[in-house]
C-alpha atoms as a PDB file:
ATOM      1  CA  MET A   1      59.002 -79.107  -1.792  1.00  0.00           C
ATOM      2  CA  ARG A   2      60.461 -75.984  -1.184  1.00  0.00           C
ATOM      3  CA  LEU A   3      58.270 -75.234   1.643  1.00  0.00           C
ATOM      4  CA  LEU A   4      58.931 -78.863   2.875  1.00  0.00           C
ATOM      5  CA  PHE A   5      62.520 -78.194   3.184  1.00  0.00           C
ATOM      6  CA  HIS A   6      62.107 -74.528   4.815  1.00  0.00           C
ATOM      7  CA  ALA A   7      59.750 -76.493   7.515  1.00  0.00           C
ATOM      8  CA  CYS A   8      62.378 -79.358   8.279  1.00  0.00           C
ATOM      9  CA  LEU A   9      64.824 -75.774   8.631  1.00  0.00           C
ATOM     10  CA  PHE A  10      63.171 -74.012  10.621  1.00  0.00           C
ATOM     11  CA  MET A  11      62.228 -77.792  12.934  1.00  0.00           C
ATOM     12  CA  ALA A  12      66.132 -78.379  13.189  1.00  0.00           C
ATOM     13  CA  GLY A  13      66.860 -74.949  14.244  1.00  0.00           C
ATOM     14  CA  LEU A  14      64.530 -75.563  17.142  1.00  0.00           C
ATOM     15  CA  GLY A  15      66.315 -78.656  18.032  1.00  0.00           C
ATOM     16  CA  LEU A  16      63.197 -80.578  17.269  1.00  0.00           C
ATOM     17  CA  GLY A  17      64.012 -82.629  13.933  1.00  0.00           C
ATOM     18  CA  THR A  18      61.639 -83.713  11.513  1.00  0.00           C
ATOM     19  CA  SER A  19      60.736 -86.653  14.248  1.00  0.00           C
ATOM     20  CA  VAL A  20      59.655 -85.578  17.641  1.00  0.00           C
ATOM     21  CA  ILE A  21      59.544 -87.919  20.514  1.00  0.00           C
ATOM     22  CA  ALA A  22      58.731 -87.231  24.184  1.00  0.00           C
ATOM     23  CA  LYS A  23      61.445 -88.143  26.370  1.00  0.00           C
ATOM     24  CA  LEU A  24      60.394 -87.654  30.260  1.00  0.00           C
ATOM     25  CA  PRO A  25      58.650 -91.085  31.909  1.00  0.00           C
ATOM     26  CA  GLU A  26      55.123 -90.677  32.787  1.00  0.00           C
ATOM     27  CA  LEU A  27      54.866 -91.441  36.383  1.00  0.00           C
ATOM     28  CA  PRO A  28      51.071 -93.246  37.404  1.00  0.00           C
ATOM     29  CA  GLU A  29      48.898 -91.227  40.061  1.00  0.00           C
ATOM     30  CA  ALA A  30      49.631 -94.163  42.538  1.00  0.00           C
ATOM     31  CA  GLU A  31      53.163 -93.235  42.777  1.00  0.00           C
ATOM     32  CA  ALA A  32      53.014 -89.715  42.482  1.00  0.00           C
ATOM     33  CA  SER A  33      53.260 -89.378  46.440  1.00  0.00           C
ATOM     34  CA  ARG A  34      56.810 -90.552  46.324  1.00  0.00           C
ATOM     35  CA  CYS A  35      57.624 -86.949  44.335  1.00  0.00           C
ATOM     36  CA  ARG A  36      57.973 -83.482  44.733  1.00  0.00           C
ATOM     37  CA  PRO A  37      55.565 -81.803  42.256  1.00  0.00           C
ATOM     38  CA  LEU A  38      57.018 -79.227  40.316  1.00  0.00           C
ATOM     39  CA  GLY A  39      53.567 -77.559  39.085  1.00  0.00           C
ATOM     40  CA  ASP A  40      51.841 -77.365  36.074  1.00  0.00           C
ATOM     41  CA  VAL A  41      53.782 -76.482  32.450  1.00  0.00           C
ATOM     42  CA  SER A  42      51.607 -75.984  29.054  1.00  0.00           C
ATOM     43  CA  ALA A  43      53.219 -75.248  25.650  1.00  0.00           C
ATOM     44  CA  ASN A  44      51.767 -75.204  22.105  1.00  0.00           C
ATOM     45  CA  SER A  45      52.571 -76.888  18.850  1.00  0.00           C
ATOM     46  CA  GLY A  46      53.130 -73.722  17.160  1.00  0.00           C
ATOM     47  CA  TYR A  47      51.610 -71.985  14.245  1.00  0.00           C
ATOM     48  CA  GLY A  48      51.529 -74.151  11.030  1.00  0.00           C
ATOM     49  CA  LYS A  49      49.233 -77.038   9.423  1.00  0.00           C
ATOM     50  CA  ASN A  50      50.324 -80.546  11.149  1.00  0.00           C
ATOM     51  CA  PRO A  51      47.973 -82.478  11.595  1.00  0.00           C
ATOM     52  CA  ASN A  52      50.499 -84.738  13.655  1.00  0.00           C
ATOM     53  CA  TRP A  53      50.574 -81.521  16.370  1.00  0.00           C
ATOM     54  CA  GLN A  54      50.286 -83.810  19.903  1.00  0.00           C
ATOM     55  CA  PRO A  55      54.022 -84.688  20.179  1.00  0.00           C
ATOM     56  CA  ILE A  56      55.005 -81.483  19.046  1.00  0.00           C
ATOM     57  CA  ALA A  57      53.583 -79.557  21.773  1.00  0.00           C
ATOM     58  CA  ARG A  58      54.311 -82.429  24.263  1.00  0.00           C
ATOM     59  CA  THR A  59      57.771 -81.671  23.487  1.00  0.00           C
ATOM     60  CA  TYR A  60      57.913 -78.292  24.286  1.00  0.00           C
ATOM     61  CA  ALA A  61      55.874 -78.500  27.580  1.00  0.00           C
ATOM     62  CA  GLU A  62      58.126 -81.747  28.517  1.00  0.00           C
ATOM     63  CA  LYS A  63      61.378 -79.148  27.463  1.00  0.00           C
ATOM     64  CA  LYS A  64      59.666 -76.473  29.998  1.00  0.00           C
ATOM     65  CA  ALA A  65      59.019 -79.820  32.765  1.00  0.00           C
ATOM     66  CA  GLU A  66      63.002 -80.357  32.319  1.00  0.00           C
ATOM     67  CA  SER A  67      63.890 -76.496  32.659  1.00  0.00           C
ATOM     68  CA  LEU A  68      62.311 -76.928  36.077  1.00  0.00           C
ATOM     69  CA  GLY A  69      64.147 -79.783  37.374  1.00  0.00           C
ATOM     70  CA  ALA A  70      61.446 -82.728  36.282  1.00  0.00           C
ATOM     71  CA  THR A  71      62.227 -86.298  35.948  1.00  0.00           C
ATOM     72  CA  HIS A  72      58.827 -87.352  35.457  1.00  0.00           C
ATOM     73  CA  ILE A  73      55.331 -86.130  34.157  1.00  0.00           C
ATOM     74  CA  ASN A  74      51.574 -86.977  34.506  1.00  0.00           C
ATOM     75  CA  SER A  75      48.222 -86.135  33.785  1.00  0.00           C
ATOM     76  CA  ILE A  76      48.852 -85.284  29.992  1.00  0.00           C
ATOM     77  CA  GLN A  77      46.111 -83.452  28.374  1.00  0.00           C
ATOM     78  CA  PHE A  78      45.537 -82.262  24.796  1.00  0.00           C
ATOM     79  CA  ILE A  79      43.378 -79.209  23.960  1.00  0.00           C
ATOM     80  CA  SER A  80      42.802 -78.871  20.293  1.00  0.00           C
ATOM     81  CA  GLY A  81      43.276 -75.479  18.946  1.00  0.00           C
ATOM     82  CA  GLY A  82      41.668 -76.534  15.611  1.00  0.00           C
ATOM     83  CA  SER A  83      42.614 -79.328  13.181  1.00  0.00           C
ATOM     84  CA  PHE A  84      46.623 -78.320  12.767  1.00  0.00           C
ATOM     85  CA  ASN A  85      47.694 -77.107  16.340  1.00  0.00           C
ATOM     86  CA  GLY A  86      46.806 -77.112  20.108  1.00  0.00           C
ATOM     87  CA  GLU A  87      48.308 -77.380  23.495  1.00  0.00           C
ATOM     88  CA  ALA A  88      49.653 -80.069  25.863  1.00  0.00           C
ATOM     89  CA  ARG A  89      49.126 -79.752  29.162  1.00  0.00           C
ATOM     90  CA  LEU A  90      50.921 -81.752  32.514  1.00  0.00           C
ATOM     91  CA  LYS A  91      52.286 -81.749  35.578  1.00  0.00           C
ATOM     92  CA  ALA A  92      55.984 -81.854  36.355  1.00  0.00           C
ATOM     93  CA  PHE A  93      57.525 -83.949  39.285  1.00  0.00           C
ATOM     94  CA  ALA A  94      60.997 -84.361  40.443  1.00  0.00           C
ATOM     95  CA  CYS A  95      61.417 -88.284  41.614  1.00  0.00           C
ATOM     96  CA  PRO A  96      64.100 -89.509  43.360  1.00  0.00           C
END
């Protein structure tokens, strides 16, 4: 119980909360030509035993994309680093 409390405090300190929700809309490939590509972005879920690591990694990647000025993302890939962590890779776009 104490470990769960510390994990929640850690995530709250990162601004993630206990439920992680992706924010940037996905851009269909067919519409990508109307937007300016900003590049590839990747992020890890972090160390820990979390079987639901994909939303965490995606949120970290989206925060990086937002810092580049992204309004949309696409080509989301998840690469497992084991059962409990991994990496999210995506393409960032700025759309009008």
